[in-house]
C-alpha cells in the first residue's frame, strides 16, 4: 500500500489543515487518456474566455466551455457564462468521477490551455452559485502542469504536478482558506484541458 493512501484506497489529504485535497493520479492508461483528449478537443464547443483585469475587458487566448443539467448563469472573472447541455464525452467522464469521488455533480467547467504560456492566476472557487463546501473534482488531460495552493492566513504554499488523465478533488472548507493557481510554464509547448465538475445551487 502506498504510504500516501488510506486503508480504503482513498488518497491521503494533502492539506495540513483547513480543507481537503485528494490527488488520485491518472485514472486512465496513456492510450485511453490520449483518446479522451482528442474527443474533448473535437466534441466540446470551445469559445474564448473574457475576463476583467483592472477594469478592462480582455479576451483570453485560453478557451472555455461550461455545461450543466440546467442553463444556469454563472459569473466569474467579471463575466457571465450560461451553461450548455452536456455532450456525450462529458457525461461519460462525469459518471467516472462520481463513481470514484463518491459525490454527485450537476455542471462542468472546462478550460483549454494551448501551451504553458497560458495559465490561471490565484483564485478560489467560492462563487455564490456553488454549493458551499461541496466537492469540486478536476480532471486533467494533456501537458503536465503545476498546481499551486496558498493559504490565505499563513501564506503557506503547496504544489502538485497534474498528470495526463489525473483526478484531483477539493472539498470541505478549502475554498474559504486556500487560493489555487495554474502558473505559466514557458517551456511547456503542448496543450492541456482541465475539467472541473461542480455542484450548482438550484
C-alpha atoms as a PDB file:
ATOM      1  CA  UNK A   1       0.000   0.000   0.000  1.00  0.00           C
ATOM      2  CA  UNK A   2       1.230   3.497  -0.851  1.00  0.00           C
ATOM      3  CA  UNK A   3       2.239   5.492   2.220  1.00  0.00           C
ATOM      4  CA  UNK A   4       0.013   8.320   0.963  1.00  0.00           C
ATOM      5  CA  UNK A   5      -3.056   6.104   0.580  1.00  0.00           C
ATOM      6  CA  UNK A   6      -5.585   5.279   3.261  1.00  0.00           C
ATOM      7  CA  UNK A   7      -6.806   1.769   4.032  1.00  0.00           C
ATOM      8  CA  UNK A   8      -9.947   2.178   1.894  1.00  0.00           C
ATOM      9  CA  UNK A   9      -7.872   3.195  -1.145  1.00  0.00           C
ATOM     10  CA  UNK A  10      -8.709   6.903  -0.863  1.00  0.00           C
ATOM     11  CA  UNK A  11      -5.631   9.154  -1.173  1.00  0.00           C
ATOM     12  CA  UNK A  12      -4.482  10.900   1.988  1.00  0.00           C
ATOM     13  CA  UNK A  13      -5.379  14.559   2.436  1.00  0.00           C
ATOM     14  CA  UNK A  14      -2.524  16.697   1.058  1.00  0.00           C
ATOM     15  CA  UNK A  15      -3.527  19.739   3.120  1.00  0.00           C
ATOM     16  CA  UNK A  16      -2.220  20.187   6.675  1.00  0.00           C
ATOM     17  CA  UNK A  17      -5.411  21.963   7.790  1.00  0.00           C
ATOM     18  CA  UNK A  18      -8.462  23.969   6.669  1.00  0.00           C
ATOM     19  CA  UNK A  19      -9.807  21.735   3.939  1.00  0.00           C
ATOM     20  CA  UNK A  20      -9.337  18.556   1.958  1.00  0.00           C
ATOM     21  CA  UNK A  21      -7.251  17.986  -1.189  1.00  0.00           C
ATOM     22  CA  UNK A  22      -7.108  14.468  -2.655  1.00  0.00           C
ATOM     23  CA  UNK A  23      -4.927  13.502  -5.619  1.00  0.00           C
ATOM     24  CA  UNK A  24      -5.819  10.164  -7.223  1.00  0.00           C
ATOM     25  CA  UNK A  25      -3.241  10.308 -10.014  1.00  0.00           C
ATOM     26  CA  UNK A  26      -4.038   9.040 -13.535  1.00  0.00           C
ATOM     27  CA  UNK A  27      -7.355   7.212 -13.897  1.00  0.00           C
ATOM     28  CA  UNK A  28      -6.683   6.046 -17.445  1.00  0.00           C
ATOM     29  CA  UNK A  29      -3.929   4.389 -19.417  1.00  0.00           C
ATOM     30  CA  UNK A  30      -1.868   6.738 -21.599  1.00  0.00           C
ATOM     31  CA  UNK A  31      -3.704   5.468 -24.677  1.00  0.00           C
ATOM     32  CA  UNK A  32      -7.150   5.972 -23.109  1.00  0.00           C
ATOM     33  CA  UNK A  33      -6.194   9.462 -21.956  1.00  0.00           C
ATOM     34  CA  UNK A  34      -4.961  10.339 -25.455  1.00  0.00           C
ATOM     35  CA  UNK A  35      -8.282   9.238 -26.960  1.00  0.00           C
ATOM     36  CA  UNK A  36     -10.269  11.245 -24.409  1.00  0.00           C
ATOM     37  CA  UNK A  37      -8.120  14.317 -25.024  1.00  0.00           C
ATOM     38  CA  UNK A  38      -8.829  14.133 -28.780  1.00  0.00           C
ATOM     39  CA  UNK A  39     -12.553  13.656 -28.148  1.00  0.00           C
ATOM     40  CA  UNK A  40     -12.660  16.681 -25.857  1.00  0.00           C
ATOM     41  CA  UNK A  41     -10.887  18.800 -28.459  1.00  0.00           C
ATOM     42  CA  UNK A  42     -13.365  17.726 -31.125  1.00  0.00           C
ATOM     43  CA  UNK A  43     -16.692  17.375 -29.293  1.00  0.00           C
ATOM     44  CA  UNK A  44     -16.643  20.313 -26.878  1.00  0.00           C
ATOM     45  CA  UNK A  45     -17.919  23.691 -28.261  1.00  0.00           C
ATOM     46  CA  UNK A  46     -14.904  25.755 -27.192  1.00  0.00           C
ATOM     47  CA  UNK A  47     -15.007  29.551 -27.071  1.00  0.00           C
ATOM     48  CA  UNK A  48     -12.625  32.291 -25.981  1.00  0.00           C
ATOM     49  CA  UNK A  49     -12.951  33.457 -22.396  1.00  0.00           C
ATOM     50  CA  UNK A  50     -13.472  37.076 -21.334  1.00  0.00           C
ATOM     51  CA  UNK A  51     -12.141  38.459 -18.062  1.00  0.00           C
ATOM     52  CA  UNK A  52     -11.957  41.851 -16.399  1.00  0.00           C
ATOM     53  CA  UNK A  53      -8.472  42.973 -15.340  1.00  0.00           C
ATOM     54  CA  UNK A  54      -8.107  46.363 -13.628  1.00  0.00           C
ATOM     55  CA  UNK A  55     -11.432  47.455 -15.083  1.00  0.00           C
ATOM     56  CA  UNK A  56     -10.597  46.407 -18.648  1.00  0.00           C
ATOM     57  CA  UNK A  57     -12.333  43.635 -20.598  1.00  0.00           C
ATOM     58  CA  UNK A  58      -9.834  41.188 -22.058  1.00  0.00           C
ATOM     59  CA  UNK A  59     -10.471  38.280 -24.418  1.00  0.00           C
ATOM     60  CA  UNK A  60      -8.106  35.483 -23.441  1.00  0.00           C
ATOM     61  CA  UNK A  61      -6.370  33.059 -25.768  1.00  0.00           C
ATOM     62  CA  UNK A  62      -7.401  30.371 -23.322  1.00  0.00           C
ATOM     63  CA  UNK A  63     -10.738  28.845 -24.263  1.00  0.00           C
ATOM     64  CA  UNK A  64     -13.519  27.501 -22.072  1.00  0.00           C
ATOM     65  CA  UNK A  65     -16.820  25.656 -22.190  1.00  0.00           C
ATOM     66  CA  UNK A  66     -19.409  25.246 -19.449  1.00  0.00           C
ATOM     67  CA  UNK A  67     -22.072  22.527 -19.295  1.00  0.00           C
ATOM     68  CA  UNK A  68     -24.778  21.539 -16.863  1.00  0.00           C
ATOM     69  CA  UNK A  69     -28.134  19.997 -16.070  1.00  0.00           C
ATOM     70  CA  UNK A  70     -29.750  23.434 -16.499  1.00  0.00           C
ATOM     71  CA  UNK A  71     -28.911  26.648 -18.378  1.00  0.00           C
ATOM     72  CA  UNK A  72     -27.533  28.283 -15.232  1.00  0.00           C
ATOM     73  CA  UNK A  73     -25.942  31.712 -15.331  1.00  0.00           C
ATOM     74  CA  UNK A  74     -22.553  31.757 -13.634  1.00  0.00           C
ATOM     75  CA  UNK A  75     -20.332  34.777 -13.053  1.00  0.00           C
ATOM     76  CA  UNK A  76     -16.578  34.672 -12.565  1.00  0.00           C
ATOM     77  CA  UNK A  77     -13.715  36.983 -13.553  1.00  0.00           C
ATOM     78  CA  UNK A  78     -16.276  39.717 -14.188  1.00  0.00           C
ATOM     79  CA  UNK A  79     -18.112  37.854 -16.969  1.00  0.00           C
ATOM     80  CA  UNK A  80     -21.399  35.931 -17.039  1.00  0.00           C
ATOM     81  CA  UNK A  81     -21.492  32.459 -18.605  1.00  0.00           C
ATOM     82  CA  UNK A  82     -24.525  30.322 -19.440  1.00  0.00           C
ATOM     83  CA  UNK A  83     -24.352  26.550 -19.195  1.00  0.00           C
ATOM     84  CA  UNK A  84     -24.768  24.490 -22.362  1.00  0.00           C
ATOM     85  CA  UNK A  85     -26.274  20.985 -22.495  1.00  0.00           C
ATOM     86  CA  UNK A  86     -23.971  18.039 -21.771  1.00  0.00           C
ATOM     87  CA  UNK A  87     -22.133  16.362 -24.650  1.00  0.00           C
ATOM     88  CA  UNK A  88     -21.560  12.573 -24.596  1.00  0.00           C
ATOM     89  CA  UNK A  89     -17.873  12.580 -23.645  1.00  0.00           C
ATOM     90  CA  UNK A  90     -18.589  14.815 -20.636  1.00  0.00           C
ATOM     91  CA  UNK A  91     -21.379  12.564 -19.393  1.00  0.00           C
ATOM     92  CA  UNK A  92     -19.029   9.581 -19.634  1.00  0.00           C
ATOM     93  CA  UNK A  93     -16.355  11.375 -17.611  1.00  0.00           C
ATOM     94  CA  UNK A  94     -18.924  12.717 -15.141  1.00  0.00           C
ATOM     95  CA  UNK A  95     -20.029   9.160 -14.350  1.00  0.00           C
ATOM     96  CA  UNK A  96     -16.421   8.072 -13.863  1.00  0.00           C
ATOM     97  CA  UNK A  97     -15.506  10.865 -11.436  1.00  0.00           C
ATOM     98  CA  UNK A  98     -18.771  10.449  -9.499  1.00  0.00           C
ATOM     99  CA  UNK A  99     -18.051   6.747  -9.037  1.00  0.00           C
ATOM    100  CA  UNK A 100     -14.562   7.461  -7.723  1.00  0.00           C
ATOM    101  CA  UNK A 101     -15.165  10.598  -5.664  1.00  0.00           C
ATOM    102  CA  UNK A 102     -18.458   9.454  -4.162  1.00  0.00           C
ATOM    103  CA  UNK A 103     -20.049  12.847  -4.905  1.00  0.00           C
ATOM    104  CA  UNK A 104     -22.618  13.989  -7.471  1.00  0.00           C
ATOM    105  CA  UNK A 105     -22.139  16.918  -9.857  1.00  0.00           C
ATOM    106  CA  UNK A 106     -24.566  18.919 -11.969  1.00  0.00           C
ATOM    107  CA  UNK A 107     -22.159  21.037 -14.031  1.00  0.00           C
ATOM    108  CA  UNK A 108     -18.672  21.082 -15.518  1.00  0.00           C
ATOM    109  CA  UNK A 109     -16.402  23.992 -16.427  1.00  0.00           C
ATOM    110  CA  UNK A 110     -13.655  23.208 -18.937  1.00  0.00           C
ATOM    111  CA  UNK A 111     -10.550  25.231 -19.764  1.00  0.00           C
ATOM    112  CA  UNK A 112      -8.252  24.712 -22.739  1.00  0.00           C
ATOM    113  CA  UNK A 113      -4.680  25.948 -22.319  1.00  0.00           C
ATOM    114  CA  UNK A 114      -2.930  25.895 -25.699  1.00  0.00           C
ATOM    115  CA  UNK A 115       0.548  25.917 -24.129  1.00  0.00           C
ATOM    116  CA  UNK A 116       2.403  26.774 -20.955  1.00  0.00           C
ATOM    117  CA  UNK A 117       2.170  30.434 -21.930  1.00  0.00           C
ATOM    118  CA  UNK A 118      -1.423  30.344 -20.685  1.00  0.00           C
ATOM    119  CA  UNK A 119      -2.333  29.860 -17.036  1.00  0.00           C
ATOM    120  CA  UNK A 120      -4.758  30.782 -14.275  1.00  0.00           C
ATOM    121  CA  UNK A 121      -3.969  33.361 -11.601  1.00  0.00           C
ATOM    122  CA  UNK A 122      -4.612  32.951  -7.874  1.00  0.00           C
ATOM    123  CA  UNK A 123      -8.309  32.469  -7.085  1.00  0.00           C
ATOM    124  CA  UNK A 124     -10.861  30.470  -5.107  1.00  0.00           C
ATOM    125  CA  UNK A 125     -13.907  28.646  -6.435  1.00  0.00           C
ATOM    126  CA  UNK A 126     -16.336  30.148  -3.935  1.00  0.00           C
ATOM    127  CA  UNK A 127     -18.886  31.892  -6.146  1.00  0.00           C
ATOM    128  CA  UNK A 128     -22.328  32.288  -4.612  1.00  0.00           C
ATOM    129  CA  UNK A 129     -23.862  29.986  -7.235  1.00  0.00           C
ATOM    130  CA  UNK A 130     -21.851  26.987  -5.959  1.00  0.00           C
ATOM    131  CA  UNK A 131     -22.966  24.717  -3.118  1.00  0.00           C
ATOM    132  CA  UNK A 132     -20.744  25.698  -0.149  1.00  0.00           C
ATOM    133  CA  UNK A 133     -18.071  23.167   0.883  1.00  0.00           C
ATOM    134  CA  UNK A 134     -19.185  20.737  -1.838  1.00  0.00           C
ATOM    135  CA  UNK A 135     -16.555  18.745  -3.702  1.00  0.00           C
ATOM    136  CA  UNK A 136     -15.041  20.223  -6.848  1.00  0.00           C
ATOM    137  CA  UNK A 137     -13.403  17.473  -8.856  1.00  0.00           C
ATOM    138  CA  UNK A 138     -10.830  18.229 -11.549  1.00  0.00           C
ATOM    139  CA  UNK A 139      -9.686  16.018 -14.420  1.00  0.00           C
ATOM    140  CA  UNK A 140      -6.563  16.949 -16.390  1.00  0.00           C
ATOM    141  CA  UNK A 141      -5.653  15.831 -19.905  1.00  0.00           C
ATOM    142  CA  UNK A 142      -2.608  16.740 -21.980  1.00  0.00           C
ATOM    143  CA  UNK A 143       0.523  18.516 -20.819  1.00  0.00           C
ATOM    144  CA  UNK A 144       1.623  18.153 -17.209  1.00  0.00           C
ATOM    145  CA  UNK A 145       1.148  21.411 -15.341  1.00  0.00           C
ATOM    146  CA  UNK A 146       1.931  22.691 -11.860  1.00  0.00           C
ATOM    147  CA  UNK A 147      -0.999  23.253  -9.481  1.00  0.00           C
ATOM    148  CA  UNK A 148      -0.197  25.659  -6.641  1.00  0.00           C
ATOM    149  CA  UNK A 149      -2.025  26.390  -3.392  1.00  0.00           C
ATOM    150  CA  UNK A 150      -1.508  29.245  -0.927  1.00  0.00           C
ATOM    151  CA  UNK A 151      -3.146  29.596   2.478  1.00  0.00           C
ATOM    152  CA  UNK A 152      -4.918  32.925   2.867  1.00  0.00           C
ATOM    153  CA  UNK A 153      -3.913  33.348   6.503  1.00  0.00           C
ATOM    154  CA  UNK A 154      -0.426  31.889   6.861  1.00  0.00           C
ATOM    155  CA  UNK A 155       0.875  32.239   3.300  1.00  0.00           C
ATOM    156  CA  UNK A 156       1.934  28.581   3.335  1.00  0.00           C
ATOM    157  CA  UNK A 157       2.274  27.177  -0.198  1.00  0.00           C
ATOM    158  CA  UNK A 158       1.900  23.676  -1.609  1.00  0.00           C
ATOM    159  CA  UNK A 159       2.475  22.304  -5.101  1.00  0.00           C
ATOM    160  CA  UNK A 160       1.246  19.282  -7.057  1.00  0.00           C
ATOM    161  CA  UNK A 161       2.021  18.250 -10.630  1.00  0.00           C
ATOM    162  CA  UNK A 162      -1.157  17.310 -12.507  1.00  0.00           C
ATOM    163  CA  UNK A 163      -0.546  14.351 -14.799  1.00  0.00           C
ATOM    164  CA  UNK A 164      -2.238  13.350 -18.065  1.00  0.00           C
ATOM    165  CA  UNK A 165      -5.602  11.765 -17.202  1.00  0.00           C
ATOM    166  CA  UNK A 166      -5.337  12.528 -13.474  1.00  0.00           C
ATOM    167  CA  UNK A 167      -8.020  13.315 -10.897  1.00  0.00           C
ATOM    168  CA  UNK A 168      -7.871  15.942  -8.128  1.00  0.00           C
ATOM    169  CA  UNK A 169     -10.633  16.553  -5.552  1.00  0.00           C
ATOM    170  CA  UNK A 170     -11.059  19.735  -3.470  1.00  0.00           C
ATOM    171  CA  UNK A 171     -13.716  19.742  -0.757  1.00  0.00           C
ATOM    172  CA  UNK A 172     -14.808  20.917   2.691  1.00  0.00           C
ATOM    173  CA  UNK A 173     -13.539  24.391   3.676  1.00  0.00           C
ATOM    174  CA  UNK A 174     -10.622  24.523   1.219  1.00  0.00           C
ATOM    175  CA  UNK A 175     -12.188  27.328  -0.861  1.00  0.00           C
ATOM    176  CA  UNK A 176     -12.576  29.523   2.218  1.00  0.00           C
ATOM    177  CA  UNK A 177      -8.935  29.208   3.294  1.00  0.00           C
ATOM    178  CA  UNK A 178      -6.783  28.329   0.266  1.00  0.00           C
ATOM    179  CA  UNK A 179      -6.133  30.063  -3.059  1.00  0.00           C
ATOM    180  CA  UNK A 180      -5.040  27.997  -6.054  1.00  0.00           C
ATOM    181  CA  UNK A 181      -3.478  28.729  -9.428  1.00  0.00           C
ATOM    182  CA  UNK A 182      -2.052  27.164 -12.594  1.00  0.00           C
ATOM    183  CA  UNK A 183       1.120  29.195 -13.230  1.00  0.00           C
ATOM    184  CA  UNK A 184       2.632  29.957 -16.616  1.00  0.00           C
ATOM    185  CA  UNK A 185       5.313  27.448 -17.672  1.00  0.00           C
ATOM    186  CA  UNK A 186       7.156  28.841 -20.676  1.00  0.00           C
ATOM    187  CA  UNK A 187       8.877  25.551 -21.523  1.00  0.00           C
ATOM    188  CA  UNK A 188       5.560  23.698 -21.961  1.00  0.00           C
ATOM    189  CA  UNK A 189       4.622  23.805 -25.648  1.00  0.00           C
ATOM    190  CA  UNK A 190       1.700  21.346 -25.770  1.00  0.00           C
ATOM    191  CA  UNK A 191      -1.946  21.916 -24.737  1.00  0.00           C
ATOM    192  CA  UNK A 192      -3.795  20.915 -21.583  1.00  0.00           C
ATOM    193  CA  UNK A 193      -7.522  20.536 -20.911  1.00  0.00           C
ATOM    194  CA  UNK A 194      -8.945  20.771 -17.387  1.00  0.00           C
ATOM    195  CA  UNK A 195     -12.475  19.740 -16.427  1.00  0.00           C
ATOM    196  CA  UNK A 196     -13.843  20.860 -13.068  1.00  0.00           C
ATOM    197  CA  UNK A 197     -17.053  19.105 -12.070  1.00  0.00           C
ATOM    198  CA  UNK A 198     -19.122  21.240  -9.698  1.00  0.00           C
ATOM    199  CA  UNK A 199     -22.416  21.416  -7.792  1.00  0.00           C
ATOM    200  CA  UNK A 200     -24.601  24.439  -8.553  1.00  0.00           C
ATOM    201  CA  UNK A 201     -27.397  25.516  -6.239  1.00  0.00           C
ATOM    202  CA  UNK A 202     -30.902  25.105  -7.695  1.00  0.00           C
END
